[in-house]
Amino acid sequence: MGIPLGFVLQAVVVFFFSFPAGIASLVAFGGLVAVCYGFELLSLVSGKGHYDLMDAIAGIAGGSIGIALIWMVSLING
């Protein structure tokens, strides 16, 4: 789930908000952390699902790969 989420967040920030690549990566990473950890907190608070901090960390790690790939493509293309 992390890599596609990173792709989408980075693409949305770059193309819809027109931030430079570096700032867009930071904004997308902040959103990634909020979504991944927020989902785990929702599981903990609601009692539905299984709260596991390692799931959030894995999602953030995968999303970081997606963000980095889009960031590199945007730097190559100018």
Foldseek 3Di string as FASTA:
>chain_A
DQQVLLQVQLCCCCPVVVDQLVVSLVVSLVVLLCVLVVVLVCCVVVVPDDRDVVSSVVSSVNSNVNSVVVSVVVVVVD
